[in-house]
Amino acid sequence: MAKVTEVVSELALPFVEAQGCTLWDVEYVKEAGVWYLRLYIDKPGGVSIDDCEAVSRPVSDALDVHDPIEGSYTFEVSSAGADRVLRKSEHFAAYLGSEAEVRLYRPQAGRKSWVGVLKEYREGNVTLETAEGEKTFEKQDVAQTRLYVRV
C-alpha cells in the first residue's frame, strides 16, 4: 500500500501545477494529538496567500471525493518557506552551495546543530563546509536538513 504522502502528492500535483506552482513536499504528521496534512508549494518569485488558497480549495475537494485518509485531519497549504526543509535528492541538488543547517539526533562534538555551505548530498549523507572545516553527516544521524536564513 502506498504511503499517504505519495497518494496525496499524486492527487494534488495537477492542481498545484494548474496554479503555476510546484509541489515542494507533502507532510502527514501527528502533533498534540491532531493529524495534519500539509502541502508545501513553491513558485518563482515566491508564494502568496492567494496561491495557497487557489491550491487549497480544489485539492481539499479532491481529497473529499477520493478520501485517501482514514479519520479526521487538518489540511493546510503553505509556502515551502525561505528556511525550507530539504528531504529529497532534488531538493539538495537545487541548493548545493547554499547555507544549510543540519540537525542531528545526537550531539557530535558537543553540538546537535551545524550550519555551513551545502557541499554534497550522497545516499542520504550530507556534507557541509563549516567554520571548522568540511563535515559529513551520515543519514542515520540526521534528523533534519533545512536552508539556513541569517537574520
C-alpha atoms as a PDB file:
ATOM      1  CA  MET A   1       0.000   0.000   0.000  1.00  0.00           C
ATOM      2  CA  ALA A   2       1.308   3.456  -0.912  1.00  0.00           C
ATOM      3  CA  LYS A   3       2.129   5.968   1.775  1.00  0.00           C
ATOM      4  CA  VAL A   4      -0.421   8.710   2.454  1.00  0.00           C
ATOM      5  CA  THR A   5       2.055  11.369   1.342  1.00  0.00           C
ATOM      6  CA  GLU A   6       2.641   9.625  -2.003  1.00  0.00           C
ATOM      7  CA  VAL A   7      -1.087   9.223  -2.696  1.00  0.00           C
ATOM      8  CA  VAL A   8      -1.779  12.855  -1.778  1.00  0.00           C
ATOM      9  CA  SER A   9       1.178  14.055  -3.888  1.00  0.00           C
ATOM     10  CA  GLU A  10      -0.223  12.332  -6.971  1.00  0.00           C
ATOM     11  CA  LEU A  11      -3.703  13.664  -6.264  1.00  0.00           C
ATOM     12  CA  ALA A  12      -2.573  17.245  -5.580  1.00  0.00           C
ATOM     13  CA  LEU A  13       0.080  17.670  -8.299  1.00  0.00           C
ATOM     14  CA  PRO A  14      -2.237  18.634 -11.198  1.00  0.00           C
ATOM     15  CA  PHE A  15      -3.995  21.258  -9.055  1.00  0.00           C
ATOM     16  CA  VAL A  16      -0.701  22.707  -7.815  1.00  0.00           C
ATOM     17  CA  GLU A  17       0.731  22.901 -11.341  1.00  0.00           C
ATOM     18  CA  ALA A  18      -2.504  24.453 -12.667  1.00  0.00           C
ATOM     19  CA  GLN A  19      -1.783  27.416 -10.368  1.00  0.00           C
ATOM     20  CA  GLY A  20       1.748  27.826 -11.749  1.00  0.00           C
ATOM     21  CA  CYS A  21       3.335  26.340  -8.640  1.00  0.00           C
ATOM     22  CA  THR A  22       5.488  23.317  -7.889  1.00  0.00           C
ATOM     23  CA  LEU A  23       4.776  20.798  -5.170  1.00  0.00           C
ATOM     24  CA  TRP A  24       7.742  21.017  -2.804  1.00  0.00           C
ATOM     25  CA  ASP A  25       6.628  18.444  -0.233  1.00  0.00           C
ATOM     26  CA  VAL A  26       3.699  16.715   1.455  1.00  0.00           C
ATOM     27  CA  GLU A  27       3.740  16.070   5.181  1.00  0.00           C
ATOM     28  CA  TYR A  28       1.325  13.942   7.225  1.00  0.00           C
ATOM     29  CA  VAL A  29       2.142  14.247  10.919  1.00  0.00           C
ATOM     30  CA  LYS A  30       0.517  13.991  14.325  1.00  0.00           C
ATOM     31  CA  GLU A  31       1.046  16.997  16.596  1.00  0.00           C
ATOM     32  CA  ALA A  32      -0.516  17.331  20.058  1.00  0.00           C
ATOM     33  CA  GLY A  33      -2.958  14.523  19.260  1.00  0.00           C
ATOM     34  CA  VAL A  34      -4.134  16.052  15.959  1.00  0.00           C
ATOM     35  CA  TRP A  35      -3.227  14.774  12.475  1.00  0.00           C
ATOM     36  CA  TYR A  36      -2.091  17.409   9.956  1.00  0.00           C
ATOM     37  CA  LEU A  37      -1.843  17.012   6.209  1.00  0.00           C
ATOM     38  CA  ARG A  38       0.368  19.780   4.826  1.00  0.00           C
ATOM     39  CA  LEU A  39       1.192  20.653   1.248  1.00  0.00           C
ATOM     40  CA  TYR A  40       4.222  22.873   0.736  1.00  0.00           C
ATOM     41  CA  ILE A  41       4.257  24.717  -2.564  1.00  0.00           C
ATOM     42  CA  ASP A  42       6.781  26.926  -4.324  1.00  0.00           C
ATOM     43  CA  LYS A  43       7.000  29.153  -7.386  1.00  0.00           C
ATOM     44  CA  PRO A  44       9.449  31.633  -8.870  1.00  0.00           C
ATOM     45  CA  GLY A  45       9.080  34.960  -7.092  1.00  0.00           C
ATOM     46  CA  GLY A  46       7.521  33.376  -4.028  1.00  0.00           C
ATOM     47  CA  VAL A  47       4.157  32.037  -2.928  1.00  0.00           C
ATOM     48  CA  SER A  48       1.337  34.326  -1.825  1.00  0.00           C
ATOM     49  CA  ILE A  49      -1.641  33.625   0.400  1.00  0.00           C
ATOM     50  CA  ASP A  50      -3.759  33.767  -2.774  1.00  0.00           C
ATOM     51  CA  ASP A  51      -1.648  30.954  -4.275  1.00  0.00           C
ATOM     52  CA  CYS A  52      -2.172  28.848  -1.159  1.00  0.00           C
ATOM     53  CA  GLU A  53      -5.919  29.442  -1.279  1.00  0.00           C
ATOM     54  CA  ALA A  54      -6.101  28.710  -5.015  1.00  0.00           C
ATOM     55  CA  VAL A  55      -4.395  25.351  -4.439  1.00  0.00           C
ATOM     56  CA  SER A  56      -6.190  24.548  -1.187  1.00  0.00           C
ATOM     57  CA  ARG A  57      -9.760  24.692  -2.485  1.00  0.00           C
ATOM     58  CA  PRO A  58      -9.527  22.194  -5.372  1.00  0.00           C
ATOM     59  CA  VAL A  59      -7.156  19.850  -3.504  1.00  0.00           C
ATOM     60  CA  SER A  60      -9.496  19.839  -0.497  1.00  0.00           C
ATOM     61  CA  ASP A  61     -12.410  18.971  -2.796  1.00  0.00           C
ATOM     62  CA  ALA A  62     -10.377  16.174  -4.423  1.00  0.00           C
ATOM     63  CA  LEU A  63      -9.427  14.808  -1.001  1.00  0.00           C
ATOM     64  CA  ASP A  64     -13.116  14.753  -0.059  1.00  0.00           C
ATOM     65  CA  VAL A  65     -14.003  12.847  -3.244  1.00  0.00           C
ATOM     66  CA  HIS A  66     -11.123  10.331  -3.174  1.00  0.00           C
ATOM     67  CA  ASP A  67     -10.929  10.068   0.628  1.00  0.00           C
ATOM     68  CA  PRO A  68      -7.365   8.647   0.785  1.00  0.00           C
ATOM     69  CA  ILE A  69      -7.013   9.165   4.549  1.00  0.00           C
ATOM     70  CA  GLU A  70      -8.977   7.381   7.251  1.00  0.00           C
ATOM     71  CA  GLY A  71     -10.065   9.505  10.171  1.00  0.00           C
ATOM     72  CA  SER A  72     -10.004  13.238  10.636  1.00  0.00           C
ATOM     73  CA  TYR A  73      -7.111  15.596   9.954  1.00  0.00           C
ATOM     74  CA  THR A  74      -6.423  19.277   9.444  1.00  0.00           C
ATOM     75  CA  PHE A  75      -5.461  20.220   5.899  1.00  0.00           C
ATOM     76  CA  GLU A  76      -3.041  23.107   5.267  1.00  0.00           C
ATOM     77  CA  VAL A  77      -1.313  24.557   2.207  1.00  0.00           C
ATOM     78  CA  SER A  78       1.662  26.854   2.669  1.00  0.00           C
ATOM     79  CA  SER A  79       4.853  28.120   1.100  1.00  0.00           C
ATOM     80  CA  ALA A  80       7.927  25.929   1.394  1.00  0.00           C
ATOM     81  CA  GLY A  81       9.496  28.999   3.054  1.00  0.00           C
ATOM     82  CA  ALA A  82      12.932  30.553   2.943  1.00  0.00           C
ATOM     83  CA  ASP A  83      14.110  28.049   5.560  1.00  0.00           C
ATOM     84  CA  ARG A  84      12.578  25.101   3.727  1.00  0.00           C
ATOM     85  CA  VAL A  85      13.298  21.535   4.767  1.00  0.00           C
ATOM     86  CA  LEU A  86      15.406  19.563   2.298  1.00  0.00           C
ATOM     87  CA  ARG A  87      14.197  15.949   2.066  1.00  0.00           C
ATOM     88  CA  LYS A  88      14.589  14.724  -1.490  1.00  0.00           C
ATOM     89  CA  SER A  89      17.752  14.425  -3.552  1.00  0.00           C
ATOM     90  CA  GLU A  90      16.394  17.042  -5.980  1.00  0.00           C
ATOM     91  CA  HIS A  91      15.946  19.468  -3.059  1.00  0.00           C
ATOM     92  CA  PHE A  92      19.600  19.060  -2.132  1.00  0.00           C
ATOM     93  CA  ALA A  93      20.745  19.325  -5.753  1.00  0.00           C
ATOM     94  CA  ALA A  94      18.849  22.611  -6.201  1.00  0.00           C
ATOM     95  CA  TYR A  95      20.557  24.187  -3.196  1.00  0.00           C
ATOM     96  CA  LEU A  96      24.160  22.995  -3.433  1.00  0.00           C
ATOM     97  CA  GLY A  97      26.325  25.984  -2.491  1.00  0.00           C
ATOM     98  CA  SER A  98      23.643  27.468  -0.212  1.00  0.00           C
ATOM     99  CA  GLU A  99      23.819  27.784   3.549  1.00  0.00           C
ATOM    100  CA  ALA A 100      22.059  24.962   5.349  1.00  0.00           C
ATOM    101  CA  GLU A 101      21.539  23.721   8.883  1.00  0.00           C
ATOM    102  CA  VAL A 102      21.820  20.057   9.777  1.00  0.00           C
ATOM    103  CA  ARG A 103      20.094  18.981  12.976  1.00  0.00           C
ATOM    104  CA  LEU A 104      21.213  15.718  14.494  1.00  0.00           C
ATOM    105  CA  TYR A 105      19.504  13.132  16.690  1.00  0.00           C
ATOM    106  CA  ARG A 106      22.546  13.009  18.981  1.00  0.00           C
ATOM    107  CA  PRO A 107      25.309  15.568  19.501  1.00  0.00           C
ATOM    108  CA  GLN A 108      28.555  15.355  17.571  1.00  0.00           C
ATOM    109  CA  ALA A 109      31.485  17.293  19.023  1.00  0.00           C
ATOM    110  CA  GLY A 110      29.045  18.597  21.646  1.00  0.00           C
ATOM    111  CA  ARG A 111      26.526  20.018  19.135  1.00  0.00           C
ATOM    112  CA  LYS A 112      23.224  18.859  17.686  1.00  0.00           C
ATOM    113  CA  SER A 113      23.019  21.657  15.110  1.00  0.00           C
ATOM    114  CA  TRP A 114      25.583  22.500  12.427  1.00  0.00           C
ATOM    115  CA  VAL A 115      25.472  25.353   9.905  1.00  0.00           C
ATOM    116  CA  GLY A 116      27.564  25.582   6.758  1.00  0.00           C
ATOM    117  CA  VAL A 117      27.554  25.631   2.993  1.00  0.00           C
ATOM    118  CA  LEU A 118      25.895  22.590   1.450  1.00  0.00           C
ATOM    119  CA  LYS A 119      28.656  20.811  -0.463  1.00  0.00           C
ATOM    120  CA  GLU A 120      27.253  17.376  -1.233  1.00  0.00           C
ATOM    121  CA  TYR A 121      24.339  15.009  -0.753  1.00  0.00           C
ATOM    122  CA  ARG A 122      25.028  11.359  -1.484  1.00  0.00           C
ATOM    123  CA  GLU A 123      22.921   8.353  -0.468  1.00  0.00           C
ATOM    124  CA  GLY A 124      21.380  10.352   2.392  1.00  0.00           C
ATOM    125  CA  ASN A 125      24.698  11.631   3.720  1.00  0.00           C
ATOM    126  CA  VAL A 126      25.003  15.423   3.947  1.00  0.00           C
ATOM    127  CA  THR A 127      28.315  17.291   3.631  1.00  0.00           C
ATOM    128  CA  LEU A 128      28.679  20.879   4.839  1.00  0.00           C
ATOM    129  CA  GLU A 129      31.628  23.250   4.696  1.00  0.00           C
ATOM    130  CA  THR A 130      31.522  24.597   8.260  1.00  0.00           C
ATOM    131  CA  ALA A 131      33.658  27.104  10.144  1.00  0.00           C
ATOM    132  CA  GLU A 132      35.510  24.044  11.489  1.00  0.00           C
ATOM    133  CA  GLY A 133      36.068  22.582   8.017  1.00  0.00           C
ATOM    134  CA  GLU A 134      34.241  20.082   5.844  1.00  0.00           C
ATOM    135  CA  LYS A 135      31.979  17.732   7.795  1.00  0.00           C
ATOM    136  CA  THR A 136      29.885  14.814   6.529  1.00  0.00           C
ATOM    137  CA  PHE A 137      26.849  13.679   8.488  1.00  0.00           C
ATOM    138  CA  GLU A 138      25.605  10.139   7.937  1.00  0.00           C
ATOM    139  CA  LYS A 139      21.980   9.580   7.009  1.00  0.00           C
ATOM    140  CA  GLN A 140      21.068   7.736  10.228  1.00  0.00           C
ATOM    141  CA  ASP A 141      22.376  10.645  12.359  1.00  0.00           C
ATOM    142  CA  VAL A 142      20.490  13.440  10.539  1.00  0.00           C
ATOM    143  CA  ALA A 143      17.120  14.426  11.991  1.00  0.00           C
ATOM    144  CA  GLN A 144      16.547  17.298   9.551  1.00  0.00           C
ATOM    145  CA  THR A 145      18.313  19.471   6.990  1.00  0.00           C
ATOM    146  CA  ARG A 146      16.929  22.879   6.080  1.00  0.00           C
ATOM    147  CA  LEU A 147      18.108  26.047   4.390  1.00  0.00           C
ATOM    148  CA  TYR A 148      19.643  28.468   6.848  1.00  0.00           C
ATOM    149  CA  VAL A 149      18.416  32.039   6.855  1.00  0.00           C
ATOM    150  CA  ARG A 150      20.543  34.631   8.599  1.00  0.00           C
ATOM    151  CA  VAL A 151      18.559  37.258  10.498  1.00  0.00           C
END
